Amino acid sequence: MTTREPSAAAAPLVRRLFPSRLGVMGQKTVLNLAILAVIWIVLALLSPRFLTAENLTNVSRQIATLVTVGSVVTLLMVSRNFDLSIGGVVALSGCLAASLVSMGWEIVPAFAVGTLAGSLVGVANGFLVVVVGINSVVATLGTMYLTRGSALLVTGGVPIYRVPEGYTVLGAGYIGPIPIPAIIMLVFVVAMTIVERRTWLGKYARATGSNAIAARLSGVPTRRVQLILFALVGTAAGWGGIMTSSRVGGGIPTVAHGLEFQVVVAAVLGGTSLGGGEGTVIGTLLGAVLIGTLNNGLNLLGVPTFWQTVALGVVLVLAVLLDAVLRSPAVRGRRWLRRRTDTSLRTPAGSGTSR
């Protein structure tokens, strides 16, 4: 008696639910939108506060750092690399900026130093992975502990709240009715979408993630691409730390705990392949909105925090399972057969070559 893999067993159901012409990215987008709509309807019925302007504004502020960093991490994952140090970088940069301000520094230079610290960590990650040759998961796991420990050293293990009033404008201020973090988040999404679709960096990242050897033989500077992406991720995480520190009004060394895994969940939910070569910034944005909505809804319903962590883990497992199903040979074979059939139907009779 033979058994089938879960992805192969679920393939017939997927074929019935999603049109194959959409592809993996399109199918995940449709599914995410459907799930998001269901969650919004359920939460609106269970909590009258959910659809209020105040609550939706709060959701946008809460996911701002996740989307800001995730928009850059998406391209890194597309190149078949990971960065697990981003949570530590967020904590370190925020604590460093708050510490400098508490010692009398001006706010802008302190923010610049905090962001630069993130950039340096990103460059260090790139050096360890690309030059030394350490696996990206192992290398960034090490720098994650390094940055977390450094944040504790900077603050002495105690949160720093001795900051001037203007320190919180970036993270808690508004431009009209729109929170400043939400505007920054959208700027990052637009900028990284342009990089992803219109620049050599986006194209080379996809080529590197699909097949690094073939890309290198084709003239793609794979090492430089990866170095740049690691540096950009570190810079984005550093800036995310500034946004977070400004939002909470100080430097907290334990902040952004688990952010690196939330970014991975958002990216995978949005269609980014764990094997590299495929992913979009818009997809990551949609995945982050889904995570933010879920967390916010659970908070409104009074669900304990540790159950929210369980829910996030379940979402990640389901996202990876769905990714395996949509990329299974059964589903991909059906897409290929359909394209082949459509091509045959479009070819006029008798147009073939004769011998």
Protein backbone atom coordinates (compact mmCIF):
# COMPACT_ATOMS: atom_id res chain seq x y z
CA MET A 1 0.00 0.00 0.00
CA THR A 2 1.43 3.34 -1.05
CA THR A 3 0.98 6.67 0.68
CA ARG A 4 1.06 10.12 -0.78
CA GLU A 5 2.69 13.25 0.57
CA PRO A 6 0.27 15.73 2.18
CA SER A 7 0.92 18.25 -0.59
CA ALA A 8 0.05 15.71 -3.28
CA ALA A 9 -3.05 14.54 -1.40
CA ALA A 10 -4.33 18.10 -1.06
CA ALA A 11 -3.63 19.01 -4.68
CA PRO A 12 -7.08 18.01 -6.02
CA LEU A 13 -8.77 20.29 -3.47
CA VAL A 14 -6.48 23.17 -4.45
CA ARG A 15 -7.27 22.62 -8.12
CA ARG A 16 -10.98 22.97 -7.38
CA LEU A 17 -10.62 26.07 -5.21
CA PHE A 18 -8.13 28.11 -7.25
CA PRO A 19 -7.86 28.65 -11.02
CA SER A 20 -4.47 27.40 -12.18
CA ARG A 21 -3.96 30.36 -14.48
CA LEU A 22 -3.37 32.56 -11.42
CA GLY A 23 -0.09 30.87 -10.50
CA VAL A 24 1.21 30.47 -6.95
CA MET A 25 1.40 34.20 -6.22
CA GLY A 26 -2.08 34.87 -7.56
CA GLN A 27 -3.59 31.94 -5.72
CA LYS A 28 -2.07 33.04 -2.42
CA THR A 29 -3.27 36.60 -2.98
CA VAL A 30 -6.84 35.45 -3.60
CA LEU A 31 -6.73 33.18 -0.55
CA ASN A 32 -5.29 35.91 1.70
CA LEU A 33 -7.90 38.42 0.59
CA ALA A 34 -10.65 35.87 1.24
CA ILE A 35 -9.27 35.03 4.71
CA LEU A 36 -8.83 38.72 5.52
CA ALA A 37 -12.43 39.45 4.50
CA VAL A 38 -13.72 36.60 6.69
CA ILE A 39 -11.64 37.76 9.68
CA TRP A 40 -12.87 41.35 9.29
CA ILE A 41 -16.50 40.24 9.11
CA VAL A 42 -16.18 37.96 12.15
CA LEU A 43 -14.33 40.56 14.23
CA ALA A 44 -16.80 43.29 13.24
CA LEU A 45 -19.61 41.08 14.52
CA LEU A 46 -17.81 40.11 17.73
CA SER A 47 -16.33 43.50 18.61
CA PRO A 48 -18.01 46.83 17.77
CA ARG A 49 -14.65 48.58 18.29
CA PHE A 50 -12.90 46.72 15.48
CA LEU A 51 -14.02 48.81 12.50
CA THR A 52 -13.64 52.16 14.25
CA ALA A 53 -11.20 54.63 12.72
CA GLU A 54 -9.22 54.72 15.96
CA ASN A 55 -8.67 50.95 15.97
CA LEU A 56 -7.79 50.68 12.28
CA THR A 57 -5.31 53.53 12.74
CA ASN A 58 -3.82 51.62 15.65
CA VAL A 59 -3.44 48.51 13.48
CA SER A 60 -1.57 50.49 10.82
CA ARG A 61 0.79 51.87 13.45
CA GLN A 62 1.37 48.44 14.96
CA ILE A 63 2.35 46.81 11.65
CA ALA A 64 4.44 49.76 10.42
CA THR A 65 7.78 48.35 11.60
CA LEU A 66 6.88 44.85 10.43
CA VAL A 67 6.05 46.06 6.91
CA THR A 68 8.95 48.53 6.74
CA VAL A 69 11.50 45.82 7.53
CA GLY A 70 9.59 43.07 5.74
CA SER A 71 9.49 44.97 2.46
CA VAL A 72 13.29 44.77 2.29
CA VAL A 73 13.59 41.29 3.80
CA THR A 74 11.34 40.01 1.00
CA LEU A 75 14.06 40.64 -1.59
CA LEU A 76 16.63 39.00 0.68
CA MET A 77 14.44 35.91 0.93
CA VAL A 78 13.92 35.97 -2.84
CA SER A 79 17.71 35.74 -3.15
CA ARG A 80 17.51 32.61 -0.96
CA ASN A 81 18.87 34.13 2.25
CA PHE A 82 17.45 34.81 5.69
CA ASP A 83 18.17 37.39 8.38
CA LEU A 84 17.21 36.38 11.91
CA SER A 85 18.97 39.35 13.50
CA ILE A 86 16.40 42.01 12.56
CA GLY A 87 14.58 41.88 15.92
CA GLY A 88 17.87 42.39 17.75
CA VAL A 89 18.85 45.21 15.40
CA VAL A 90 15.51 46.94 16.02
CA ALA A 91 16.12 46.73 19.78
CA LEU A 92 19.76 47.83 19.57
CA SER A 93 19.19 50.82 17.28
CA GLY A 94 16.27 52.09 19.32
CA CYS A 95 18.14 51.71 22.61
CA LEU A 96 21.22 53.38 21.17
CA ALA A 97 19.22 56.37 19.94
CA ALA A 98 17.36 56.72 23.24
CA SER A 99 20.61 56.44 25.19
CA LEU A 100 22.30 59.16 23.14
CA VAL A 101 19.33 61.50 23.48
CA SER A 102 19.23 60.93 27.23
CA MET A 103 22.90 62.02 27.33
CA GLY A 104 22.12 65.32 25.61
CA TRP A 105 22.38 64.52 21.91
CA GLU A 106 20.03 66.12 19.43
CA ILE A 107 17.27 63.85 18.17
CA VAL A 108 18.23 63.75 14.47
CA PRO A 109 21.91 62.79 15.00
CA ALA A 110 20.84 60.16 17.54
CA PHE A 111 18.38 58.69 15.03
CA ALA A 112 21.10 58.70 12.38
CA VAL A 113 23.54 56.83 14.64
CA GLY A 114 20.90 54.24 15.50
CA THR A 115 20.12 53.64 11.83
CA LEU A 116 23.84 53.48 10.99
CA ALA A 117 24.30 50.81 13.66
CA GLY A 118 21.71 48.71 11.85
CA SER A 119 23.53 49.23 8.56
CA LEU A 120 26.81 48.05 10.09
CA VAL A 121 25.15 44.90 11.40
CA GLY A 122 23.74 44.28 7.92
CA VAL A 123 27.18 44.68 6.36
CA ALA A 124 28.61 42.29 8.95
CA ASN A 125 25.90 39.74 8.13
CA GLY A 126 26.68 40.05 4.44
CA PHE A 127 30.39 39.56 5.10
CA LEU A 128 29.78 36.42 7.17
CA VAL A 129 27.42 34.90 4.62
CA VAL A 130 28.90 35.96 1.30
CA VAL A 131 32.62 36.29 2.00
CA VAL A 132 33.19 33.80 4.81
CA GLY A 133 30.57 31.38 3.50
CA ILE A 134 28.54 30.76 6.65
CA ASN A 135 24.92 29.73 6.19
CA SER A 136 22.68 32.80 6.49
CA VAL A 137 20.50 31.25 9.20
CA VAL A 138 23.51 30.36 11.37
CA ALA A 139 25.32 33.66 10.79
CA THR A 140 22.33 35.88 11.54
CA LEU A 141 21.33 33.74 14.51
CA GLY A 142 24.72 34.62 15.98
CA THR A 143 24.31 38.34 15.28
CA MET A 144 20.79 38.16 16.72
CA TYR A 145 22.23 37.19 20.11
CA LEU A 146 25.01 39.73 19.66
CA THR A 147 22.60 42.62 19.03
CA ARG A 148 20.23 41.54 21.81
CA GLY A 149 23.12 41.43 24.26
CA SER A 150 24.42 44.78 23.04
CA ALA A 151 20.98 46.36 23.59
CA LEU A 152 21.07 45.13 27.18
CA LEU A 153 24.58 46.51 27.62
CA VAL A 154 23.62 49.92 26.23
CA THR A 155 20.67 50.26 28.61
CA GLY A 156 22.09 48.35 31.54
CA GLY A 157 19.09 46.04 31.25
CA VAL A 158 16.71 48.88 32.21
CA PRO A 159 14.41 50.70 29.73
CA ILE A 160 15.40 54.30 28.96
CA TYR A 161 12.50 56.76 29.06
CA ARG A 162 14.43 60.01 29.67
CA VAL A 163 13.74 61.44 26.22
CA PRO A 164 12.44 64.87 25.15
CA GLU A 165 8.87 65.32 23.96
CA GLY A 166 9.85 65.66 20.30
CA TYR A 167 11.35 62.17 20.38
CA THR A 168 7.92 60.55 19.97
CA VAL A 169 6.77 62.57 16.95
CA LEU A 170 8.11 60.10 14.40
CA GLY A 171 6.46 57.06 15.95
CA ALA A 172 3.30 58.54 17.47
CA GLY A 173 2.66 61.69 15.43
CA TYR A 174 0.19 62.35 12.62
CA ILE A 175 0.13 64.16 9.31
CA GLY A 176 -3.53 65.06 9.09
CA PRO A 177 -5.51 61.97 10.09
CA ILE A 178 -2.77 59.55 9.00
CA PRO A 179 -0.13 58.25 11.44
CA ILE A 180 3.43 59.10 10.42
CA PRO A 181 4.56 55.42 10.78
CA ALA A 182 1.87 54.39 8.29
CA ILE A 183 3.16 56.96 5.78
CA ILE A 184 6.73 55.75 6.23
CA MET A 185 5.53 52.16 5.80
CA LEU A 186 3.82 52.99 2.49
CA VAL A 187 6.89 54.86 1.26
CA PHE A 188 9.01 51.76 1.89
CA VAL A 189 6.46 49.53 0.16
CA VAL A 190 6.36 51.73 -2.94
CA ALA A 191 10.15 52.15 -3.04
CA MET A 192 10.89 48.44 -2.64
CA THR A 193 8.20 47.49 -5.16
CA ILE A 194 9.96 49.72 -7.69
CA VAL A 195 13.30 48.13 -6.77
CA GLU A 196 11.76 44.67 -7.08
CA ARG A 197 10.14 45.21 -10.49
CA ARG A 198 12.12 47.95 -12.21
CA THR A 199 15.77 47.70 -11.17
CA TRP A 200 18.64 45.34 -11.77
CA LEU A 201 18.81 44.58 -8.04
CA GLY A 202 15.32 43.08 -8.02
CA LYS A 203 15.91 41.08 -11.18
CA TYR A 204 19.30 39.84 -10.03
CA ALA A 205 17.91 38.90 -6.60
CA ARG A 206 15.32 36.70 -8.30
CA ALA A 207 17.95 35.16 -10.58
CA THR A 208 20.26 34.51 -7.62
CA GLY A 209 17.51 32.83 -5.63
CA SER A 210 16.33 30.71 -8.55
CA ASN A 211 19.76 29.32 -9.42
CA ALA A 212 22.84 31.07 -8.08
CA ILE A 213 25.29 29.05 -10.18
CA ALA A 214 23.44 29.63 -13.44
CA ALA A 215 23.02 33.31 -12.58
CA ARG A 216 26.74 33.69 -11.88
CA LEU A 217 27.65 31.95 -15.13
CA SER A 218 25.29 34.35 -16.91
CA GLY A 219 27.20 37.34 -15.58
CA VAL A 220 25.01 38.20 -12.59
CA PRO A 221 27.14 39.61 -9.72
CA THR A 222 25.52 37.32 -7.16
CA ARG A 223 27.94 38.13 -4.34
CA ARG A 224 27.49 41.88 -4.71
CA VAL A 225 23.71 41.48 -4.91
CA GLN A 226 23.63 39.55 -1.64
CA LEU A 227 25.96 41.98 0.10
CA ILE A 228 23.77 44.93 -0.92
CA LEU A 229 20.61 43.16 0.21
CA PHE A 230 22.03 42.32 3.64
CA ALA A 231 23.15 45.93 4.06
CA LEU A 232 19.71 47.21 3.04
CA VAL A 233 17.98 44.85 5.47
CA GLY A 234 20.22 46.04 8.30
CA THR A 235 19.50 49.67 7.42
CA ALA A 236 15.75 49.03 7.28
CA ALA A 237 15.88 47.21 10.63
CA GLY A 238 17.85 50.11 12.11
CA TRP A 239 15.26 52.57 10.90
CA GLY A 240 12.51 50.27 12.15
CA GLY A 241 14.16 50.39 15.56
CA ILE A 242 14.02 54.19 15.49
CA MET A 243 10.32 54.07 14.61
CA THR A 244 9.61 51.59 17.38
CA SER A 245 11.63 53.50 19.97
CA SER A 246 9.83 56.70 19.01
CA ARG A 247 6.45 54.98 19.26
CA VAL A 248 7.06 53.58 22.76
CA GLY A 249 8.81 56.74 23.92
CA GLY A 250 12.21 55.32 24.81
CA GLY A 251 14.65 52.45 24.46
CA ILE A 252 13.47 49.00 25.56
CA PRO A 253 16.08 46.24 25.14
CA THR A 254 13.46 43.48 24.94
CA VAL A 255 11.36 45.15 22.26
CA ALA A 256 10.63 43.47 18.87
CA HIS A 257 10.96 40.00 20.36
CA GLY A 258 10.01 37.53 17.63
CA LEU A 259 9.88 40.20 14.90
CA GLU A 260 12.15 38.13 12.66
CA PHE A 261 9.64 35.27 12.68
CA GLN A 262 6.69 37.58 12.08
CA VAL A 263 8.47 38.90 9.01
CA VAL A 264 9.00 35.37 7.71
CA VAL A 265 5.32 34.54 8.34
CA ALA A 266 4.18 37.68 6.53
CA ALA A 267 6.47 37.01 3.57
CA VAL A 268 5.46 33.35 3.24
CA LEU A 269 1.78 34.24 3.59
CA GLY A 270 2.30 36.75 0.78
CA GLY A 271 3.75 34.15 -1.56
CA THR A 272 7.50 34.40 -0.98
CA SER A 273 9.10 31.01 -1.50
CA LEU A 274 11.29 29.65 1.28
CA GLY A 275 13.43 28.17 -1.48
CA GLY A 276 14.09 31.58 -3.05
CA GLY A 277 13.43 32.92 -6.52
CA GLU A 278 9.88 34.12 -5.96
CA GLY A 279 8.14 36.73 -3.82
CA THR A 280 6.63 40.22 -3.91
CA VAL A 281 6.64 43.19 -1.58
CA ILE A 282 2.90 43.68 -2.07
CA GLY A 283 2.35 40.06 -1.00
CA THR A 284 4.34 40.66 2.19
CA LEU A 285 2.25 43.76 2.89
CA LEU A 286 -0.91 41.69 2.58
CA GLY A 287 0.53 39.01 4.86
CA ALA A 288 1.48 41.63 7.45
CA VAL A 289 -2.02 43.13 7.36
CA LEU A 290 -3.40 39.65 7.96
CA ILE A 291 -1.10 39.12 10.97
CA GLY A 292 -1.82 42.59 12.36
CA THR A 293 -5.57 42.12 12.00
CA LEU A 294 -5.42 38.74 13.71
CA ASN A 295 -3.36 40.05 16.65
CA ASN A 296 -5.53 43.13 17.02
CA GLY A 297 -8.72 41.10 16.92
CA LEU A 298 -7.45 38.68 19.54
CA ASN A 299 -6.54 41.65 21.76
CA LEU A 300 -10.01 43.14 21.40
CA LEU A 301 -11.55 39.80 22.31
CA GLY A 302 -9.40 39.56 25.43
CA VAL A 303 -7.39 36.54 24.29
CA PRO A 304 -4.20 36.13 26.40
CA THR A 305 -0.91 37.04 24.73
CA PHE A 306 0.52 33.52 24.81
CA TRP A 307 -2.46 32.26 22.79
CA GLN A 308 -1.66 34.93 20.21
CA THR A 309 1.81 33.41 19.88
CA VAL A 310 0.22 30.00 19.38
CA ALA A 311 -2.03 31.46 16.70
CA LEU A 312 0.97 32.97 14.90
CA GLY A 313 2.70 29.57 14.93
CA VAL A 314 -0.40 27.91 13.48
CA VAL A 315 -0.56 30.55 10.75
CA LEU A 316 3.10 29.92 9.84
CA VAL A 317 2.59 26.14 9.64
CA LEU A 318 -0.50 26.55 7.49
CA ALA A 319 1.29 29.06 5.24
CA VAL A 320 4.21 26.69 4.67
CA LEU A 321 1.79 23.81 4.05
CA LEU A 322 -0.14 25.86 1.51
CA ASP A 323 3.12 26.85 -0.19
CA ALA A 324 4.07 23.16 -0.46
CA VAL A 325 0.65 22.28 -1.88
CA LEU A 326 0.66 25.05 -4.49
CA ARG A 327 4.18 24.14 -5.60
CA SER A 328 3.58 20.38 -5.58
CA PRO A 329 4.22 18.44 -8.82
CA ALA A 330 0.50 17.63 -9.10
CA VAL A 331 -0.54 21.28 -9.16
CA ARG A 332 2.42 22.48 -11.23
CA GLY A 333 1.89 19.65 -13.71
CA ARG A 334 -1.69 20.70 -14.23
CA ARG A 335 -0.58 24.31 -14.93
CA TRP A 336 1.94 23.07 -17.49
CA LEU A 337 -0.65 20.85 -19.19
CA ARG A 338 -3.14 23.68 -19.37
CA ARG A 339 -0.59 26.06 -20.91
CA ARG A 340 0.40 23.37 -23.41
CA THR A 341 -3.25 22.77 -24.33
CA ASP A 342 -3.98 26.49 -24.69
CA THR A 343 -0.96 26.88 -26.97
CA SER A 344 -2.10 23.96 -29.12
CA LEU A 345 -5.57 25.40 -29.43
CA ARG A 346 -4.20 28.77 -30.53
CA THR A 347 -1.99 27.19 -33.22
CA PRO A 348 -3.82 27.14 -36.62
CA ALA A 349 -4.32 23.75 -38.19
CA GLY A 350 -1.73 22.88 -40.81
CA SER A 351 0.72 25.52 -39.57
CA GLY A 352 3.27 22.91 -38.58
CA THR A 353 6.31 22.23 -40.71
CA SER A 354 6.24 19.34 -43.14
CA ARG A 355 9.05 17.05 -44.04
